[in-house]
């Protein structure tokens, strides 16, 4: 069985490299002093634990993820701390009552949901009036490589947006989706991520896997695959490799 694309090591490396974005995504919850915040698509629970620490136990934290292995790691890392719990669940069909949450955070979750409007509707349903929601997403359509054949890079861009995940336009549509779900007071912040390291880009964006899949699915030939990767490696070795991509943090209230 192949290794999952977004495994625990991937999530932990991403957490370390995106500290400023993380802190921005926590701020809408800073003034809360009661209720429960849900981190939906919580992965291994690092953000849920950060929220618990930031709020000093005044607010209960609920981490939800569909992956049982991720939830198991989150429960282990929580190490019996009070005020936080983790459980499996489906973002499009939450096992929560109407108006039961004081806040929701979802990071790089919506891009994996084929029908995002269902998730947004669920978020709206389970939030209390005036409660904040925060959506963090990768704008796959913004990825740019400054090395290798531009045509191949464009094909990679299209693959990452249209096939790599269920909803590669999650970032581009976040404001539209929030508005259609009924949210107000919408705010958007953009975090440009640039790297001069091929290893870092592979760790964060998994372009190695994407290129392999493009070859398997016939989007590029073996020759094009080899030539493009060689160009990226040469650029990295000679210190002129460069790649950029945008991430967004959108916040709103019910």
Protein backbone atom coordinates (compact mmCIF):
# COMPACT_ATOMS: atom_id res chain seq x y z
CA UNK A 1 0.00 0.00 0.00
CA UNK A 2 1.54 3.38 -1.02
CA UNK A 3 2.45 5.91 1.67
CA UNK A 4 -0.27 8.57 2.11
CA UNK A 5 0.57 11.85 0.39
CA UNK A 6 -0.14 13.97 3.48
CA UNK A 7 1.46 11.84 6.19
CA UNK A 8 2.51 12.75 9.74
CA UNK A 9 6.03 13.83 8.79
CA UNK A 10 4.65 16.15 6.09
CA UNK A 11 2.29 17.81 8.56
CA UNK A 12 4.96 18.25 11.22
CA UNK A 13 7.44 19.83 8.77
CA UNK A 14 4.74 22.17 7.49
CA UNK A 15 3.87 23.23 11.04
CA UNK A 16 7.46 24.27 11.73
CA UNK A 17 7.83 26.29 8.53
CA UNK A 18 4.55 28.21 8.65
CA UNK A 19 4.67 29.66 12.16
CA UNK A 20 3.48 33.19 11.27
CA UNK A 21 0.52 31.88 9.30
CA UNK A 22 -0.39 29.63 12.21
CA UNK A 23 -0.35 32.49 14.70
CA UNK A 24 -2.59 34.58 12.43
CA UNK A 25 -5.05 31.70 12.20
CA UNK A 26 -5.27 31.50 16.01
CA UNK A 27 -5.94 35.19 16.65
CA UNK A 28 -9.73 35.27 15.98
CA UNK A 29 -10.12 32.94 18.98
CA UNK A 30 -7.91 34.93 21.37
CA UNK A 31 -10.80 36.77 23.03
CA UNK A 32 -12.89 33.69 23.79
CA UNK A 33 -13.25 32.66 27.41
CA UNK A 34 -15.85 29.89 27.26
CA UNK A 35 -17.34 27.21 25.03
CA UNK A 36 -15.67 24.80 22.62
CA UNK A 37 -13.48 25.44 19.58
CA UNK A 38 -13.23 22.70 16.96
CA UNK A 39 -10.12 22.25 14.82
CA UNK A 40 -11.60 20.31 11.92
CA UNK A 41 -9.14 18.31 9.86
CA UNK A 42 -6.83 18.51 12.89
CA UNK A 43 -4.32 15.91 11.69
CA UNK A 44 -1.92 15.05 14.50
CA UNK A 45 -3.41 17.75 16.74
CA UNK A 46 -0.55 20.27 16.89
CA UNK A 47 -2.81 23.26 16.25
CA UNK A 48 -5.45 22.06 18.68
CA UNK A 49 -2.79 21.76 21.38
CA UNK A 50 -1.48 25.23 20.51
CA UNK A 51 -4.98 26.67 20.91
CA UNK A 52 -5.37 24.94 24.27
CA UNK A 53 -2.11 26.50 25.47
CA UNK A 54 -2.94 29.95 24.09
CA UNK A 55 -6.36 30.02 25.75
CA UNK A 56 -4.98 28.64 29.02
CA UNK A 57 -7.71 26.06 29.36
CA UNK A 58 -10.55 28.62 29.45
CA UNK A 59 -12.03 27.15 26.27
CA UNK A 60 -12.43 23.45 25.49
CA UNK A 61 -10.74 22.21 22.32
CA UNK A 62 -12.13 19.50 20.05
CA UNK A 63 -9.96 18.03 17.31
CA UNK A 64 -11.74 16.22 14.47
CA UNK A 65 -10.16 14.26 11.62
CA UNK A 66 -11.31 11.43 9.37
CA UNK A 67 -8.00 9.55 9.76
CA UNK A 68 -7.89 7.21 12.76
CA UNK A 69 -4.07 7.08 12.71
CA UNK A 70 -3.86 10.87 12.92
CA UNK A 71 -6.35 10.92 15.78
CA UNK A 72 -4.37 8.23 17.58
CA UNK A 73 -1.19 10.31 17.32
CA UNK A 74 -3.07 13.41 18.51
CA UNK A 75 -4.44 11.57 21.54
CA UNK A 76 -0.97 10.28 22.36
CA UNK A 77 0.59 13.75 22.09
CA UNK A 78 -2.17 15.25 24.25
CA UNK A 79 -0.98 12.86 26.96
CA UNK A 80 -4.15 13.08 29.03
CA UNK A 81 -4.30 16.89 29.20
CA UNK A 82 -7.65 18.20 30.35
CA UNK A 83 -9.78 20.49 28.22
CA UNK A 84 -8.98 18.79 24.92
CA UNK A 85 -10.28 15.73 23.13
CA UNK A 86 -9.91 14.18 19.69
CA UNK A 87 -12.34 12.12 17.64
CA UNK A 88 -12.89 10.92 14.10
CA UNK A 89 -15.50 12.67 12.04
CA UNK A 90 -16.66 13.93 8.66
CA UNK A 91 -16.45 17.68 7.97
CA UNK A 92 -19.53 17.50 5.73
CA UNK A 93 -21.62 15.71 8.38
CA UNK A 94 -20.47 16.75 11.84
CA UNK A 95 -21.76 14.85 14.84
CA UNK A 96 -22.45 18.11 16.68
CA UNK A 97 -25.59 19.97 17.65
CA UNK A 98 -26.81 23.20 16.11
CA UNK A 99 -25.07 26.32 17.51
CA UNK A 100 -22.88 24.18 19.76
CA UNK A 101 -19.42 25.64 18.99
CA UNK A 102 -17.73 28.90 19.97
CA UNK A 103 -15.34 28.71 17.03
CA UNK A 104 -14.09 26.59 14.12
CA UNK A 105 -10.68 26.37 12.52
CA UNK A 106 -9.96 24.32 9.38
CA UNK A 107 -6.48 24.24 7.83
CA UNK A 108 -5.88 22.78 4.38
CA UNK A 109 -9.06 20.78 4.74
CA UNK A 110 -11.42 22.29 2.16
CA UNK A 111 -9.05 21.44 -0.71
CA UNK A 112 -9.71 17.75 -0.02
CA UNK A 113 -13.52 18.05 -0.07
CA UNK A 114 -15.23 17.56 -3.42
CA UNK A 115 -18.42 19.34 -2.27
CA UNK A 116 -17.06 22.23 -0.15
CA UNK A 117 -20.44 23.92 0.16
CA UNK A 118 -21.54 21.02 2.38
CA UNK A 119 -18.65 21.64 4.78
CA UNK A 120 -19.32 25.39 4.91
CA UNK A 121 -23.00 24.73 5.57
CA UNK A 122 -22.07 22.39 8.43
CA UNK A 123 -19.68 24.96 9.89
CA UNK A 124 -22.44 27.55 9.83
CA UNK A 125 -24.94 25.16 11.38
CA UNK A 126 -22.82 24.16 14.37
CA UNK A 127 -21.44 27.62 15.18
CA UNK A 128 -23.08 29.92 17.68
CA UNK A 129 -24.25 33.34 16.40
CA UNK A 130 -21.27 35.71 16.27
CA UNK A 131 -18.74 32.88 16.52
CA UNK A 132 -15.58 32.99 14.36
CA UNK A 133 -14.55 30.59 11.63
CA UNK A 134 -11.02 30.46 10.20
CA UNK A 135 -10.13 28.75 6.92
CA UNK A 136 -6.49 28.22 5.92
CA UNK A 137 -5.83 27.07 2.37
CA UNK A 138 -3.10 26.55 -0.20
CA UNK A 139 -3.57 28.45 -3.46
CA UNK A 140 -2.31 25.71 -5.76
CA UNK A 141 -3.00 27.86 -8.81
CA UNK A 142 -0.36 30.36 -7.62
CA UNK A 143 2.62 27.99 -7.63
CA UNK A 144 5.50 29.20 -9.79
CA UNK A 145 8.81 27.55 -10.65
CA UNK A 146 11.66 29.67 -11.95
CA UNK A 147 13.65 26.69 -13.17
CA UNK A 148 13.01 23.99 -15.72
CA UNK A 149 10.82 24.12 -18.80
CA UNK A 150 7.98 26.64 -18.35
CA UNK A 151 5.56 24.45 -20.28
CA UNK A 152 6.16 21.52 -17.94
CA UNK A 153 5.82 23.83 -14.94
CA UNK A 154 2.47 25.02 -16.31
CA UNK A 155 1.33 21.41 -16.72
CA UNK A 156 2.34 20.76 -13.12
CA UNK A 157 0.41 23.84 -12.00
CA UNK A 158 -2.70 22.60 -13.81
CA UNK A 159 -2.34 19.12 -12.33
CA UNK A 160 -1.95 20.45 -8.78
CA UNK A 161 -5.07 22.58 -9.22
CA UNK A 162 -7.31 20.17 -11.08
CA UNK A 163 -6.30 16.64 -10.09
CA UNK A 164 -3.92 16.49 -7.14
CA UNK A 165 -6.67 17.27 -4.62
CA UNK A 166 -10.46 17.17 -4.83
CA UNK A 167 -10.84 20.95 -4.70
CA UNK A 168 -7.68 22.70 -5.91
CA UNK A 169 -9.50 26.03 -6.13
CA UNK A 170 -10.40 26.05 -2.43
CA UNK A 171 -8.31 29.16 -1.77
CA UNK A 172 -9.61 31.06 -4.79
CA UNK A 173 -13.21 30.33 -3.82
CA UNK A 174 -12.95 30.80 -0.04
CA UNK A 175 -14.64 34.22 0.07
CA UNK A 176 -17.40 33.09 -2.30
CA UNK A 177 -18.00 29.95 -0.24
CA UNK A 178 -18.13 31.88 3.04
CA UNK A 179 -20.57 34.43 1.61
CA UNK A 180 -22.86 31.78 0.14
CA UNK A 181 -22.94 29.93 3.48
CA UNK A 182 -24.12 33.11 5.21
CA UNK A 183 -20.95 34.24 7.00
CA UNK A 184 -20.18 37.94 7.48
CA UNK A 185 -17.25 40.19 8.48
CA UNK A 186 -14.99 38.33 6.09
CA UNK A 187 -11.26 39.05 6.16
CA UNK A 188 -8.52 37.60 3.96
CA UNK A 189 -4.76 37.59 4.48
CA UNK A 190 -2.27 36.22 1.96
CA UNK A 191 0.99 34.58 2.98
CA UNK A 192 3.48 34.26 0.11
CA UNK A 193 5.74 31.27 0.63
CA UNK A 194 9.04 31.30 -1.27
CA UNK A 195 11.84 28.80 -1.13
CA UNK A 196 15.33 28.49 -2.54
CA UNK A 197 15.53 24.84 -1.49
CA UNK A 198 14.26 21.96 -3.60
CA UNK A 199 14.23 19.68 -0.54
CA UNK A 200 12.01 22.16 1.31
CA UNK A 201 9.59 22.43 -1.62
CA UNK A 202 9.42 18.65 -1.88
CA UNK A 203 8.73 18.37 1.87
CA UNK A 204 6.06 21.07 1.93
CA UNK A 205 4.37 20.71 -1.47
CA UNK A 206 5.22 17.10 -2.39
CA UNK A 207 5.91 17.99 -6.00
CA UNK A 208 7.94 14.79 -6.35
CA UNK A 209 4.77 12.77 -5.82
CA UNK A 210 2.78 15.04 -8.13
CA UNK A 211 5.30 14.65 -10.95
CA UNK A 212 5.30 10.86 -10.52
CA UNK A 213 1.52 10.80 -10.76
CA UNK A 214 1.58 13.05 -13.83
CA UNK A 215 3.88 10.54 -15.51
CA UNK A 216 1.74 7.57 -14.48
CA UNK A 217 -1.41 9.26 -15.79
CA UNK A 218 0.19 10.19 -19.10
CA UNK A 219 0.30 13.96 -18.62
CA UNK A 220 4.06 14.00 -19.21
CA UNK A 221 6.47 11.53 -20.74
CA UNK A 222 9.31 9.83 -18.91
CA UNK A 223 11.75 12.04 -20.83
CA UNK A 224 9.94 15.24 -19.79
CA UNK A 225 9.75 13.99 -16.18
CA UNK A 226 13.47 13.26 -16.05
CA UNK A 227 14.44 16.51 -17.81
CA UNK A 228 12.32 18.69 -15.53
CA UNK A 229 13.56 17.07 -12.31
CA UNK A 230 17.16 17.26 -13.52
CA UNK A 231 16.74 20.98 -14.21
CA UNK A 232 15.34 21.55 -10.70
CA UNK A 233 18.18 19.56 -9.11
CA UNK A 234 20.82 21.40 -11.14
CA UNK A 235 19.30 24.73 -10.14
CA UNK A 236 19.25 23.66 -6.50
CA UNK A 237 22.86 22.47 -6.58
CA UNK A 238 23.98 25.71 -8.22
CA UNK A 239 21.91 27.84 -5.82
CA UNK A 240 19.51 29.47 -8.26
CA UNK A 241 16.49 27.28 -7.53
CA UNK A 242 13.35 29.26 -6.70
CA UNK A 243 9.70 28.40 -6.14
CA UNK A 244 6.82 30.48 -4.79
CA UNK A 245 3.23 29.78 -3.74
CA UNK A 246 0.55 31.65 -1.79
CA UNK A 247 -1.36 30.46 1.23
CA UNK A 248 -4.43 32.27 2.53
CA UNK A 249 -6.05 32.75 5.92
CA UNK A 250 -9.71 33.72 5.73
CA UNK A 251 -11.74 34.58 8.82
CA UNK A 252 -15.41 35.40 9.24
CA UNK A 253 -18.22 35.33 11.79
CA UNK A 254 -21.62 33.67 11.78
